[in-house]
Every structure is written in C-alpha cells, then in structure tokens.
C-alpha atoms as a PDB file:
ATOM      1  CA  MET A   1      97.489  75.683 103.724  1.00  0.00           C
ATOM      2  CA  ALA A   2      97.576  76.375 107.451  1.00  0.00           C
ATOM      3  CA  LEU A   3     100.494  75.227 109.546  1.00  0.00           C
ATOM      4  CA  THR A   4     100.838  75.337 113.280  1.00  0.00           C
ATOM      5  CA  GLY A   5     104.584  75.546 113.754  1.00  0.00           C
ATOM      6  CA  ALA A   6     106.730  74.298 116.582  1.00  0.00           C
ATOM      7  CA  ALA A   7     107.395  76.501 119.590  1.00  0.00           C
ATOM      8  CA  GLY A   8     111.055  76.897 118.689  1.00  0.00           C
ATOM      9  CA  CYS A   9     112.604  79.678 116.634  1.00  0.00           C
ATOM     10  CA  GLY A  10     112.437  78.754 112.972  1.00  0.00           C
ATOM     11  CA  GLY A  11     113.318  75.214 112.114  1.00  0.00           C
ATOM     12  CA  GLY A  12     111.832  72.420 110.079  1.00  0.00           C
ATOM     13  CA  VAL A  13     108.267  71.629 109.149  1.00  0.00           C
ATOM     14  CA  GLY A  14     107.010  68.110 109.728  1.00  0.00           C
ATOM     15  CA  ASP A  15     105.449  65.909 107.024  1.00  0.00           C
ATOM     16  CA  ARG A  16     102.179  65.815 108.940  1.00  0.00           C
ATOM     17  CA  PHE A  17     101.594  69.405 107.816  1.00  0.00           C
ATOM     18  CA  ALA A  18     101.915  68.588 104.112  1.00  0.00           C
ATOM     19  CA  PRO A  19      98.860  69.333 101.914  1.00  0.00           C
ATOM     20  CA  LYS A  20      96.662  66.481 100.753  1.00  0.00           C
ATOM     21  CA  SER A  21      97.838  65.056  97.458  1.00  0.00           C
ATOM     22  CA  LYS A  22      94.665  65.846  95.491  1.00  0.00           C
ATOM     23  CA  ALA A  23      95.191  69.567  96.064  1.00  0.00           C
ATOM     24  CA  SER A  24      98.469  69.440  94.158  1.00  0.00           C
ATOM     25  CA  GLU A  25      97.365  67.088  91.362  1.00  0.00           C
ATOM     26  CA  SER A  26      94.814  69.282  89.582  1.00  0.00           C
ATOM     27  CA  GLY A  27      93.492  72.838  89.426  1.00  0.00           C
ATOM     28  CA  PRO A  28      95.212  75.981  90.707  1.00  0.00           C
ATOM     29  CA  ARG A  29      98.293  75.388  92.776  1.00  0.00           C
ATOM     30  CA  PRO A  30      99.638  77.186  95.828  1.00  0.00           C
ATOM     31  CA  ALA A  31     102.650  79.420  95.268  1.00  0.00           C
ATOM     32  CA  ILE A  32     104.661  77.605  97.923  1.00  0.00           C
ATOM     33  CA  THR A  33     104.650  74.557 100.165  1.00  0.00           C
ATOM     34  CA  VAL A  34     104.550  74.840 103.928  1.00  0.00           C
ATOM     35  CA  GLN A  35     108.097  73.532 104.158  1.00  0.00           C
ATOM     36  CA  GLN A  36     109.285  76.183 101.730  1.00  0.00           C
ATOM     37  CA  ALA A  37     107.280  78.883 103.521  1.00  0.00           C
ATOM     38  CA  GLY A  38     108.977  77.967 106.780  1.00  0.00           C
ATOM     39  CA  ALA A  39     112.353  78.332 105.085  1.00  0.00           C
ATOM     40  CA  VAL A  40     111.352  81.745 103.691  1.00  0.00           C
ATOM     41  CA  VAL A  41     110.507  83.014 107.165  1.00  0.00           C
ATOM     42  CA  ASP A  42     113.709  81.515 108.603  1.00  0.00           C
ATOM     43  CA  ARG A  43     115.763  83.347 105.977  1.00  0.00           C
ATOM     44  CA  TYR A  44     113.883  86.581 106.629  1.00  0.00           C
ATOM     45  CA  GLU A  45     114.693  86.359 110.338  1.00  0.00           C
ATOM     46  CA  LYS A  46     118.371  85.719 109.650  1.00  0.00           C
ATOM     47  CA  VAL A  47     118.880  88.445 107.041  1.00  0.00           C
ATOM     48  CA  ASN A  48     116.756  91.015 108.883  1.00  0.00           C
ATOM     49  CA  ASN A  49     118.661  90.486 112.124  1.00  0.00           C
ATOM     50  CA  GLN A  50     121.948  90.788 110.245  1.00  0.00           C
ATOM     51  CA  ALA A  51     120.828  93.977 108.464  1.00  0.00           C
ATOM     52  CA  ASN A  52     119.618  95.576 111.703  1.00  0.00           C
ATOM     53  CA  LYS A  53     123.052  95.277 113.290  1.00  0.00           C
ATOM     54  CA  THR A  54     124.562  97.731 110.833  1.00  0.00           C
ATOM     55  CA  ARG A  55     121.341  99.260 109.455  1.00  0.00           C
ATOM     56  CA  ASP A  56     122.106  97.894 106.009  1.00  0.00           C
ATOM     57  CA  SER A  57     119.165  98.948 103.804  1.00  0.00           C
ATOM     58  CA  ARG A  58     120.541  97.179 100.731  1.00  0.00           C
ATOM     59  CA  LEU A  59     120.782  93.879 102.557  1.00  0.00           C
ATOM     60  CA  LEU A  60     117.335  94.312 104.081  1.00  0.00           C
ATOM     61  CA  SER A  61     115.853  94.958 100.636  1.00  0.00           C
ATOM     62  CA  THR A  62     116.766  91.407  99.603  1.00  0.00           C
ATOM     63  CA  VAL A  63     114.119  90.014 101.987  1.00  0.00           C
ATOM     64  CA  GLU A  64     111.752  92.932 102.566  1.00  0.00           C
ATOM     65  CA  GLY A  65     109.711  95.053 100.164  1.00  0.00           C
ATOM     66  CA  GLY A  66     106.835  97.436  99.697  1.00  0.00           C
ATOM     67  CA  ALA A  67     105.573  99.684 102.473  1.00  0.00           C
ATOM     68  CA  LEU A  68     107.249  97.564 105.141  1.00  0.00           C
ATOM     69  CA  LEU A  69     110.681  98.193 103.616  1.00  0.00           C
ATOM     70  CA  ALA A  70     109.960 101.929 103.361  1.00  0.00           C
ATOM     71  CA  SER A  71     109.140 102.042 107.076  1.00  0.00           C
ATOM     72  CA  SER A  72     112.208  99.984 107.995  1.00  0.00           C
ATOM     73  CA  GLN A  73     114.506 102.187 105.931  1.00  0.00           C
ATOM     74  CA  ALA A  74     113.071 105.273 107.638  1.00  0.00           C
ATOM     75  CA  GLY A  75     113.866 103.647 110.970  1.00  0.00           C
ATOM     76  CA  TYR A  76     117.461 103.184 109.862  1.00  0.00           C
ATOM     77  CA  GLU A  77     117.642 106.839 108.778  1.00  0.00           C
ATOM     78  CA  GLN A  78     116.337 108.014 112.137  1.00  0.00           C
ATOM     79  CA  PHE A  79     118.648 105.851 114.235  1.00  0.00           C
ATOM     80  CA  SER A  80     120.744 108.786 115.468  1.00  0.00           C
ATOM     81  CA  ALA A  81     117.614 110.454 116.894  1.00  0.00           C
ATOM     82  CA  LEU A  82     116.799 107.524 119.176  1.00  0.00           C
ATOM     83  CA  PRO A  83     117.551 107.670 122.905  1.00  0.00           C
ATOM     84  CA  ALA A  84     120.854 106.059 123.836  1.00  0.00           C
ATOM     85  CA  LYS A  85     119.168 103.048 125.437  1.00  0.00           C
ATOM     86  CA  LYS A  86     117.174 102.270 122.300  1.00  0.00           C
ATOM     87  CA  ARG A  87     120.207 102.721 120.069  1.00  0.00           C
ATOM     88  CA  LYS A  88     122.079 100.190 122.184  1.00  0.00           C
ATOM     89  CA  SER A  89     119.356  97.570 121.883  1.00  0.00           C
ATOM     90  CA  TYR A  90     118.423  98.334 118.259  1.00  0.00           C
ATOM     91  CA  GLY A  91     120.244  95.369 116.800  1.00  0.00           C
ATOM     92  CA  SER A  92     118.898  92.821 119.295  1.00  0.00           C
ATOM     93  CA  PRO A  93     117.794  89.715 117.375  1.00  0.00           C
ATOM     94  CA  PHE A  94     114.148  88.712 117.105  1.00  0.00           C
ATOM     95  CA  PHE A  95     112.421  85.492 116.092  1.00  0.00           C
ATOM     96  CA  TYR A  96     108.968  84.383 114.974  1.00  0.00           C
ATOM     97  CA  ILE A  97     107.668  81.494 117.068  1.00  0.00           C
ATOM     98  CA  ASP A  98     104.374  79.601 117.246  1.00  0.00           C
ATOM     99  CA  ARG A  99     103.863  80.174 113.540  1.00  0.00           C
ATOM    100  CA  HIS A 100     100.574  79.596 111.731  1.00  0.00           C
ATOM    101  CA  PHE A 101     100.904  79.621 107.940  1.00  0.00           C
ATOM    102  CA  TYR A 102      97.977  80.503 105.659  1.00  0.00           C
ATOM    103  CA  ILE A 103      98.644  79.625 102.023  1.00  0.00           C
ATOM    104  CA  PRO A 104      95.933  80.466  99.481  1.00  0.00           C
ATOM    105  CA  VAL A 105      95.753  78.690  96.132  1.00  0.00           C
ATOM    106  CA  GLY A 106      96.267  80.632  92.905  1.00  0.00           C
ATOM    107  CA  THR A 107      98.130  83.626  94.372  1.00  0.00           C
ATOM    108  CA  THR A 108     101.720  84.878  94.595  1.00  0.00           C
ATOM    109  CA  TRP A 109     101.618  85.314  98.389  1.00  0.00           C
ATOM    110  CA  PHE A 110     101.102  83.651 101.737  1.00  0.00           C
ATOM    111  CA  ALA A 111     100.455  84.884 105.261  1.00  0.00           C
ATOM    112  CA  VAL A 112     101.906  83.994 108.655  1.00  0.00           C
ATOM    113  CA  GLU A 113     100.533  84.610 112.123  1.00  0.00           C
ATOM    114  CA  ALA A 114     103.276  84.342 114.741  1.00  0.00           C
ATOM    115  CA  THR A 115     104.517  85.514 118.098  1.00  0.00           C
ATOM    116  CA  VAL A 116     107.512  87.853 118.039  1.00  0.00           C
ATOM    117  CA  LYS A 117     110.171  86.954 120.567  1.00  0.00           C
ATOM    118  CA  GLY A 118     113.351  88.812 121.408  1.00  0.00           C
ATOM    119  CA  GLU A 119     112.683  92.428 120.417  1.00  0.00           C
ATOM    120  CA  ALA A 120     114.134  94.458 123.262  1.00  0.00           C
ATOM    121  CA  SER A 121     111.536  97.210 123.131  1.00  0.00           C
ATOM    122  CA  GLU A 122     108.388  95.112 123.389  1.00  0.00           C
ATOM    123  CA  LYS A 123     106.943  92.099 125.150  1.00  0.00           C
ATOM    124  CA  ASN A 124     105.977  89.040 123.117  1.00  0.00           C
ATOM    125  CA  PHE A 125     103.020  89.847 120.849  1.00  0.00           C
ATOM    126  CA  ARG A 126     101.203  88.394 117.857  1.00  0.00           C
ATOM    127  CA  ARG A 127     102.000  89.681 114.404  1.00  0.00           C
ATOM    128  CA  PHE A 128     100.374  89.015 111.045  1.00  0.00           C
ATOM    129  CA  LEU A 129     102.799  88.994 108.121  1.00  0.00           C
ATOM    130  CA  VAL A 130     102.482  88.710 104.357  1.00  0.00           C
ATOM    131  CA  PHE A 131     105.202  87.427 102.029  1.00  0.00           C
ATOM    132  CA  ASP A 132     104.788  88.083  98.295  1.00  0.00           C
ATOM    133  CA  ARG A 133     106.965  87.070  95.361  1.00  0.00           C
ATOM    134  CA  GLY A 134     104.851  88.717  92.683  1.00  0.00           C
ATOM    135  CA  ALA A 135     105.837  92.325  93.253  1.00  0.00           C
ATOM    136  CA  GLU A 136     109.622  92.353  92.992  1.00  0.00           C
ATOM    137  CA  ASN A 137     111.453  90.121  90.517  1.00  0.00           C
ATOM    138  CA  GLY A 138     109.979  86.871  91.790  1.00  0.00           C
ATOM    139  CA  ALA A 139     111.872  86.937  95.087  1.00  0.00           C
ATOM    140  CA  TRP A 140     109.957  86.160  98.289  1.00  0.00           C
ATOM    141  CA  LYS A 141     109.809  89.326 100.379  1.00  0.00           C
ATOM    142  CA  ASN A 142     108.034  90.311 103.544  1.00  0.00           C
ATOM    143  CA  VAL A 143     105.770  93.155 102.426  1.00  0.00           C
ATOM    144  CA  ALA A 144     103.563  93.513 105.518  1.00  0.00           C
ATOM    145  CA  GLY A 145     103.889  92.997 109.252  1.00  0.00           C
ATOM    146  CA  VAL A 146     101.171  94.238 111.603  1.00  0.00           C
ATOM    147  CA  SER A 147     101.052  93.751 115.369  1.00  0.00           C
ATOM    148  CA  ALA A 148      97.599  92.751 116.614  1.00  0.00           C
ATOM    149  CA  GLU A 149      96.134  94.322 119.752  1.00  0.00           C
ATOM    150  CA  GLY A 150      93.323  91.780 119.958  1.00  0.00           C
ATOM    151  CA  LYS A 151      92.699  88.204 118.965  1.00  0.00           C
ATOM    152  CA  ILE A 152      93.221  87.577 115.265  1.00  0.00           C
ATOM    153  CA  PRO A 153      90.082  85.995 113.744  1.00  0.00           C
ATOM    154  CA  LYS A 154      90.388  82.401 112.603  1.00  0.00           C
ATOM    155  CA  VAL A 155      91.126  82.019 108.896  1.00  0.00           C
ATOM    156  CA  THR A 156      88.886  79.506 107.098  1.00  0.00           C
ATOM    157  CA  LEU A 157      90.533  76.496 105.499  1.00  0.00           C
ATOM    158  CA  ASP A 158      89.210  74.263 102.736  1.00  0.00           C
ATOM    159  CA  ASP A 159      89.166  70.463 102.841  1.00  0.00           C
ATOM    160  CA  ASP A 160      92.800  70.359 101.735  1.00  0.00           C
ATOM    161  CA  GLY A 161      93.967  72.807 104.384  1.00  0.00           C
ATOM    162  CA  TYR A 162      94.367  75.848 102.147  1.00  0.00           C
ATOM    163  CA  ALA A 163      93.221  79.376 102.885  1.00  0.00           C
ATOM    164  CA  THR A 164      90.950  81.292 100.498  1.00  0.00           C
ATOM    165  CA  ALA A 165      92.066  84.634  99.073  1.00  0.00           C
ATOM    166  CA  VAL A 166      89.313  87.243  98.678  1.00  0.00           C
ATOM    167  CA  SER A 167      89.231  90.022  96.077  1.00  0.00           C
ATOM    168  CA  PRO A 168      90.006  93.366  97.767  1.00  0.00           C
ATOM    169  CA  ASP A 169      87.253  94.934  95.645  1.00  0.00           C
ATOM    170  CA  ARG A 170      84.542  92.675  97.061  1.00  0.00           C
ATOM    171  CA  LYS A 171      82.262  94.395  99.555  1.00  0.00           C
ATOM    172  CA  VAL A 172      82.065  92.589 102.893  1.00  0.00           C
ATOM    173  CA  GLY A 173      79.607  94.034 105.371  1.00  0.00           C
ATOM    174  CA  VAL A 174      79.655  97.807 104.922  1.00  0.00           C
ATOM    175  CA  LEU A 175      82.848  98.189 102.867  1.00  0.00           C
ATOM    176  CA  ALA A 176      85.430  96.412 100.734  1.00  0.00           C
ATOM    177  CA  PRO A 177      89.000  95.698 101.889  1.00  0.00           C
ATOM    178  CA  ASN A 178      90.227  98.279  99.361  1.00  0.00           C
ATOM    179  CA  ASP A 179      88.228 100.934 101.244  1.00  0.00           C
ATOM    180  CA  LEU A 180      89.791 100.292 104.655  1.00  0.00           C
ATOM    181  CA  ALA A 181      92.583 102.858 104.341  1.00  0.00           C
ATOM    182  CA  GLY A 182      90.081 105.613 103.606  1.00  0.00           C
ATOM    183  CA  SER A 183      88.097 104.809 106.737  1.00  0.00           C
ATOM    184  CA  VAL A 184      91.194 104.498 108.935  1.00  0.00           C
ATOM    185  CA  ASN A 185      92.583 107.770 107.559  1.00  0.00           C
ATOM    186  CA  ASP A 186      89.340 109.416 108.673  1.00  0.00           C
ATOM    187  CA  LEU A 187      90.166 108.514 112.285  1.00  0.00           C
ATOM    188  CA  VAL A 188      93.358 110.570 112.069  1.00  0.00           C
ATOM    189  CA  VAL A 189      92.197 113.331 109.722  1.00  0.00           C
ATOM    190  CA  THR A 190      88.858 114.149 111.389  1.00  0.00           C
ATOM    191  CA  GLY A 191      89.017 112.282 114.679  1.00  0.00           C
ATOM    192  CA  GLY A 192      86.441 109.815 113.420  1.00  0.00           C
ATOM    193  CA  THR A 193      83.625 112.211 112.536  1.00  0.00           C
ATOM    194  CA  GLY A 194      83.451 111.239 108.859  1.00  0.00           C
ATOM    195  CA  LYS A 195      83.076 107.958 106.995  1.00  0.00           C
ATOM    196  CA  SER A 196      84.618 105.888 109.799  1.00  0.00           C
ATOM    197  CA  LYS A 197      81.506 106.459 111.934  1.00  0.00           C
ATOM    198  CA  GLN A 198      79.560 104.274 109.509  1.00  0.00           C
ATOM    199  CA  THR A 199      82.296 101.755 108.703  1.00  0.00           C
ATOM    200  CA  LEU A 200      84.446 101.037 111.794  1.00  0.00           C
ATOM    201  CA  VAL A 201      83.619  99.851 115.305  1.00  0.00           C
ATOM    202  CA  SER A 202      85.419 101.507 118.210  1.00  0.00           C
ATOM    203  CA  THR A 203      88.260  99.101 118.958  1.00  0.00           C
ATOM    204  CA  PRO A 204      91.315 100.035 121.092  1.00  0.00           C
ATOM    205  CA  THR A 205      93.324 100.396 117.874  1.00  0.00           C
ATOM    206  CA  ALA A 206      90.732 102.738 116.394  1.00  0.00           C
ATOM    207  CA  GLN A 207      90.616 104.763 119.605  1.00  0.00           C
ATOM    208  CA  ARG A 208      94.385 105.230 119.470  1.00  0.00           C
ATOM    209  CA  ALA A 209      94.143 106.458 115.886  1.00  0.00           C
ATOM    210  CA  ARG A 210      91.464 108.967 116.888  1.00  0.00           C
ATOM    211  CA  ALA A 211      93.726 110.165 119.699  1.00  0.00           C
ATOM    212  CA  VAL A 212      96.336 111.175 117.111  1.00  0.00           C
ATOM    213  CA  HIS A 213      93.861 113.780 115.877  1.00  0.00           C
ATOM    214  CA  ARG A 214      92.622 114.746 119.330  1.00  0.00           C
ATOM    215  CA  ASN A 215      96.154 115.394 120.622  1.00  0.00           C
ATOM    216  CA  ARG A 216      97.452 117.062 117.462  1.00  0.00           C
ATOM    217  CA  ASN A 217      98.041 120.451 119.138  1.00  0.00           C
ATOM    218  CA  LYS A 218      99.239 119.151 122.479  1.00  0.00           C
ATOM    219  CA  ASN A 219     102.383 121.004 123.607  1.00  0.00           C
ATOM    220  CA  LEU A 220     102.551 122.728 120.236  1.00  0.00           C
ATOM    221  CA  SER A 221     101.541 126.318 119.471  1.00  0.00           C
ATOM    222  CA  ALA A 222     100.834 125.720 115.808  1.00  0.00           C
ATOM    223  CA  ARG A 223      97.960 124.862 113.509  1.00  0.00           C
ATOM    224  CA  VAL A 224      98.022 121.144 112.665  1.00  0.00           C
ATOM    225  CA  VAL A 225      96.172 119.647 109.720  1.00  0.00           C
ATOM    226  CA  PHE A 226      96.210 115.991 108.627  1.00  0.00           C
ATOM    227  CA  THR A 227      95.753 115.137 104.951  1.00  0.00           C
ATOM    228  CA  PRO A 228      95.213 111.623 103.562  1.00  0.00           C
ATOM    229  CA  VAL A 229      97.750 110.485 100.968  1.00  0.00           C
ATOM    230  CA  ARG A 230      97.640 107.523  98.598  1.00  0.00           C
ATOM    231  CA  PRO A 231     100.538 105.239  99.557  1.00  0.00           C
ATOM    232  CA  GLU A 232     103.043 104.216  96.914  1.00  0.00           C
ATOM    233  CA  HIS A 233     102.357 100.564  97.750  1.00  0.00           C
ATOM    234  CA  SER A 234      98.591 100.056  97.927  1.00  0.00           C
ATOM    235  CA  THR A 235      98.125  96.283  97.488  1.00  0.00           C
ATOM    236  CA  VAL A 236      95.566  94.812  99.890  1.00  0.00           C
ATOM    237  CA  TYR A 237      95.794  91.177 100.976  1.00  0.00           C
ATOM    238  CA  ALA A 238      92.568  89.513 102.133  1.00  0.00           C
ATOM    239  CA  LEU A 239      91.679  86.051 103.441  1.00  0.00           C
ATOM    240  CA  LYS A 240      88.336  84.442 104.194  1.00  0.00           C
ATOM    241  CA  THR A 241      87.556  83.862 107.879  1.00  0.00           C
ATOM    242  CA  GLU A 242      84.774  81.973 109.624  1.00  0.00           C
ATOM    243  CA  LEU A 243      82.732  85.186 109.942  1.00  0.00           C
ATOM    244  CA  GLY A 244      84.020  87.418 107.151  1.00  0.00           C
ATOM    245  CA  VAL A 245      87.355  88.584 105.759  1.00  0.00           C
ATOM    246  CA  LEU A 246      90.720  89.417 107.347  1.00  0.00           C
ATOM    247  CA  ALA A 247      92.623  92.118 105.457  1.00  0.00           C
ATOM    248  CA  VAL A 248      96.109  93.646 105.563  1.00  0.00           C
ATOM    249  CA  PHE A 249      96.403  97.078 103.959  1.00  0.00           C
ATOM    250  CA  ASN A 250      98.604 100.180 103.687  1.00  0.00           C
ATOM    251  CA  GLY A 251      97.707 103.798 104.322  1.00  0.00           C
ATOM    252  CA  ALA A 252      99.463 107.161 104.477  1.00  0.00           C
ATOM    253  CA  TYR A 253      98.866 110.729 105.572  1.00  0.00           C
ATOM    254  CA  ASP A 254     100.693 114.035 105.941  1.00  0.00           C
ATOM    255  CA  LYS A 255     100.828 116.175 109.077  1.00  0.00           C
ATOM    256  CA  GLU A 256     101.164 119.862 108.223  1.00  0.00           C
ATOM    257  CA  MET A 257     102.184 122.249 110.989  1.00  0.00           C
ATOM    258  CA  THR A 258     101.983 126.010 110.506  1.00  0.00           C
ATOM    259  CA  SER A 259     102.634 128.915 112.857  1.00  0.00           C
ATOM    260  CA  THR A 260     101.983 132.603 112.134  1.00  0.00           C
ATOM    261  CA  THR A 261     103.408 133.849 115.430  1.00  0.00           C
ATOM    262  CA  HIS A 262     106.736 132.098 115.987  1.00  0.00           C
ATOM    263  CA  TYR A 263     109.293 129.669 114.609  1.00  0.00           C
ATOM    264  CA  ILE A 264     109.015 125.951 115.304  1.00  0.00           C
ATOM    265  CA  LYS A 265     112.095 123.991 116.308  1.00  0.00           C
ATOM    266  CA  PRO A 266     112.481 120.662 114.467  1.00  0.00           C
ATOM    267  CA  SER A 267     112.566 117.535 116.618  1.00  0.00           C
ATOM    268  CA  LYS A 268     115.625 115.285 116.366  1.00  0.00           C
ATOM    269  CA  ASP A 269     114.027 112.892 113.886  1.00  0.00           C
ATOM    270  CA  THR A 270     112.516 115.698 111.798  1.00  0.00           C
ATOM    271  CA  ALA A 271     115.896 117.455 111.660  1.00  0.00           C
ATOM    272  CA  ILE A 272     117.364 114.416 109.900  1.00  0.00           C
ATOM    273  CA  TYR A 273     115.326 115.359 106.838  1.00  0.00           C
ATOM    274  CA  MET A 274     115.164 119.144 107.208  1.00  0.00           C
ATOM    275  CA  GLY A 275     118.160 120.250 109.221  1.00  0.00           C
ATOM    276  CA  ARG A 276     117.972 122.106 112.531  1.00  0.00           C
ATOM    277  CA  LYS A 277     116.850 125.451 111.148  1.00  0.00           C
ATOM    278  CA  GLN A 278     113.674 126.682 112.818  1.00  0.00           C
ATOM    279  CA  ARG A 279     110.721 127.243 110.507  1.00  0.00           C
ATOM    280  CA  THR A 280     107.123 128.402 110.508  1.00  0.00           C
ATOM    281  CA  HIS A 281     105.961 125.474 108.363  1.00  0.00           C
ATOM    282  CA  PHE A 282     106.580 121.716 108.425  1.00  0.00           C
ATOM    283  CA  ASN A 283     105.067 118.879 106.411  1.00  0.00           C
ATOM    284  CA  LEU A 284     105.639 115.446 107.959  1.00  0.00           C
ATOM    285  CA  HIS A 285     104.962 112.170 106.122  1.00  0.00           C
ATOM    286  CA  TYR A 286     103.530 109.062 107.812  1.00  0.00           C
ATOM    287  CA  LEU A 287     103.017 105.537 106.532  1.00  0.00           C
ATOM    288  CA  TYR A 288     101.095 102.767 108.258  1.00  0.00           C
ATOM    289  CA  GLN A 289     100.067  99.173 107.808  1.00  0.00           C
ATOM    290  CA  GLY A 290      96.739  97.977 109.156  1.00  0.00           C
ATOM    291  CA  LEU A 291      95.033  94.712 110.031  1.00  0.00           C
ATOM    292  CA  ALA A 292      91.238  94.628 110.057  1.00  0.00           C
ATOM    293  CA  HIS A 293      88.399  92.131 110.119  1.00  0.00           C
ATOM    294  CA  LEU A 294      85.361  92.747 107.950  1.00  0.00           C
ATOM    295  CA  PRO A 295      82.345  90.719 109.118  1.00  0.00           C
ATOM    296  CA  ALA A 296      79.705  89.543 106.655  1.00  0.00           C
ATOM    297  CA  THR A 297      77.316  92.056 108.206  1.00  0.00           C
ATOM    298  CA  GLY A 298      78.056  95.242 110.102  1.00  0.00           C
ATOM    299  CA  LYS A 299      81.097  97.448 110.599  1.00  0.00           C
ATOM    300  CA  ALA A 300      84.742  96.421 110.287  1.00  0.00           C
ATOM    301  CA  SER A 301      87.093  96.051 113.280  1.00  0.00           C
ATOM    302  CA  LEU A 302      90.572  97.586 113.177  1.00  0.00           C
ATOM    303  CA  ILE A 303      92.734  95.219 115.244  1.00  0.00           C
ATOM    304  CA  GLY A 304      96.215  96.448 114.371  1.00  0.00           C
ATOM    305  CA  ARG A 305      97.896  99.579 112.999  1.00  0.00           C
ATOM    306  CA  ASN A 306     101.638 100.214 112.842  1.00  0.00           C
ATOM    307  CA  ALA A 307     102.377 103.826 111.877  1.00  0.00           C
ATOM    308  CA  ASP A 308     105.816 105.270 111.152  1.00  0.00           C
ATOM    309  CA  PHE A 309     107.211 108.714 110.463  1.00  0.00           C
ATOM    310  CA  ILE A 310     109.073 108.400 107.148  1.00  0.00           C
ATOM    311  CA  GLY A 311     110.127 111.901 106.058  1.00  0.00           C
ATOM    312  CA  ALA A 312     109.583 115.670 106.129  1.00  0.00           C
ATOM    313  CA  GLU A 313     110.083 118.944 104.348  1.00  0.00           C
ATOM    314  CA  GLY A 314     109.321 122.549 105.108  1.00  0.00           C
END
C-alpha cells in the first residue's frame, strides 16, 4: 500500500488511505496497515530522538536493528571524537515528513520514503527507509535508512494500492539486487575499473564512491588497500518500479593502511578503538547502506550510499 502522508511531523493517517476491502479478504495479506505503519514510524522518531540525547544504545535497539543499528552504535561510540559544535547539536530532534508508505503483500517489511526535517547537520533531504519485523523477535525495527542524492524512482502499485516485493535473486537488467554490493564495493576497491564498469552507470553517488579510492593516499604517507567484506546483515529489500526494481542493500569493506618508513598517528575516532599509540599498520572497518535502481534493461543506478566507520584494529 502506498500512502502520501500529511506535511506535519508524524500524526494520524486518514481513512481515505485505507486499502480496498478485497485486498484484505482473500490471498496473501500485508504485514501491516497504513495506520499501523504510521504509528511505527512515529514511535521510531520518538524513541530515536530520546536515545540520541544520551546515546543510549540499549534504548535505540528497541526500534532499530541490523546494519543501521550497527552504524548508529558506532556513531555513539565515536561521539567524543566529534568537533565541539557537532557534539552540541548531536541530540537535536529530527522528524520524517511528507511520508510515502510502500507496503508489499506477503512480506514481513514495509518501506517509507520521507523528507528528514530537523537534523542540525544537514538540510532537508529525502530518505528511503525499511522497517522489518521478521528479523528480530517480531518487533518492528528500522533496519535501513538511505539518503537519496537524486529523485527516487516511482514504486509500482497494484489495483489495491499495494507495492510488489521482488526476489533479490532475480536478475533485472545486467544484475540482480543481491549483486549490488559487489558492484558498489568495486567502486571503492578498484576505483571502478572492475565489474562496476559493466553494471553501474556513473551517477554522482557512484562518482563519490570512486573518489574514496582515488583519494586513498591523500595527505597520508602509507600504502592503502581496500578489501570487500561480507556484511553481517546482508538482507536486500527490493520493490517493483515503473521501469525496473528499487533495491536497498548493505555492503562493507576494510581499509588497510601500512607504512614501512614511519609510524602513523591514529585519528581521534580511530583512537577510540585502538588507543593513541602510533603504529605502522591499521585496519579500519566500514559499513554502508545503498539505494539503487535496476532498470529492466541496461546498467543499474546508485542513487544513495551512506557509509560509516564502525571500528578498527592494528
């Protein structure tokens, strides 16, 4: 089911957005109603904002899960390394407005496209979120949240207003949703000289990922090598669009830095995991969530990628 929400922050869902009765009388059923989905997002806002004030990972884990929770917890751990201005604004509340709900039938999850309002560090932007109750004890948790740099393709709805989930193993165009992380990792690991040349178009998001590789040695007298890693949480969520499939996925990679001529001083955030002792070798861990559109023919478009530093050892 798709819902175009009110412009306010949270709040009720009108009856005019209710699914047609025949969709709920027979066949597979949606995991949630639009009214209930609105309440899930409202609760997520409230609990997340409360947890951010004191960086309470336990509280956050009641409404967030998967790779998104891992990234958020890393952010809490690295709080002391932030500049003073960012630390001061860290707990500023945020809200999801102008919500569009996409509820597929026969799944344990639903998706939301919304504008984020109130985060002190960024202007208003569109974000695509996934809430899933199938992964962790039946509780609804936000497991993905990706900021889009371009327009998010329109999700296709059936006659009853429901979205259509697509198998992540199904090839769409030149690759399947399950293969997206491998192609996106190639942008960072090789600078886009490998498989991504045949599978991804050059979007602004893809160009930024390639720049991570291109600038790997900037201001650093060390050998830097990126290695793809299979993320702990690898579920891919995919929805049918008018021209293909929209997919949300997780990826991970390590950044290994080695010097044979001098010691490397840990940065403030790296020192949280390794201490301040200078070393000749570091291994940094990164986790990201991506949003991509796979057209029925041709290469996929990476339209969002949120990457976070989540740990280190040396």
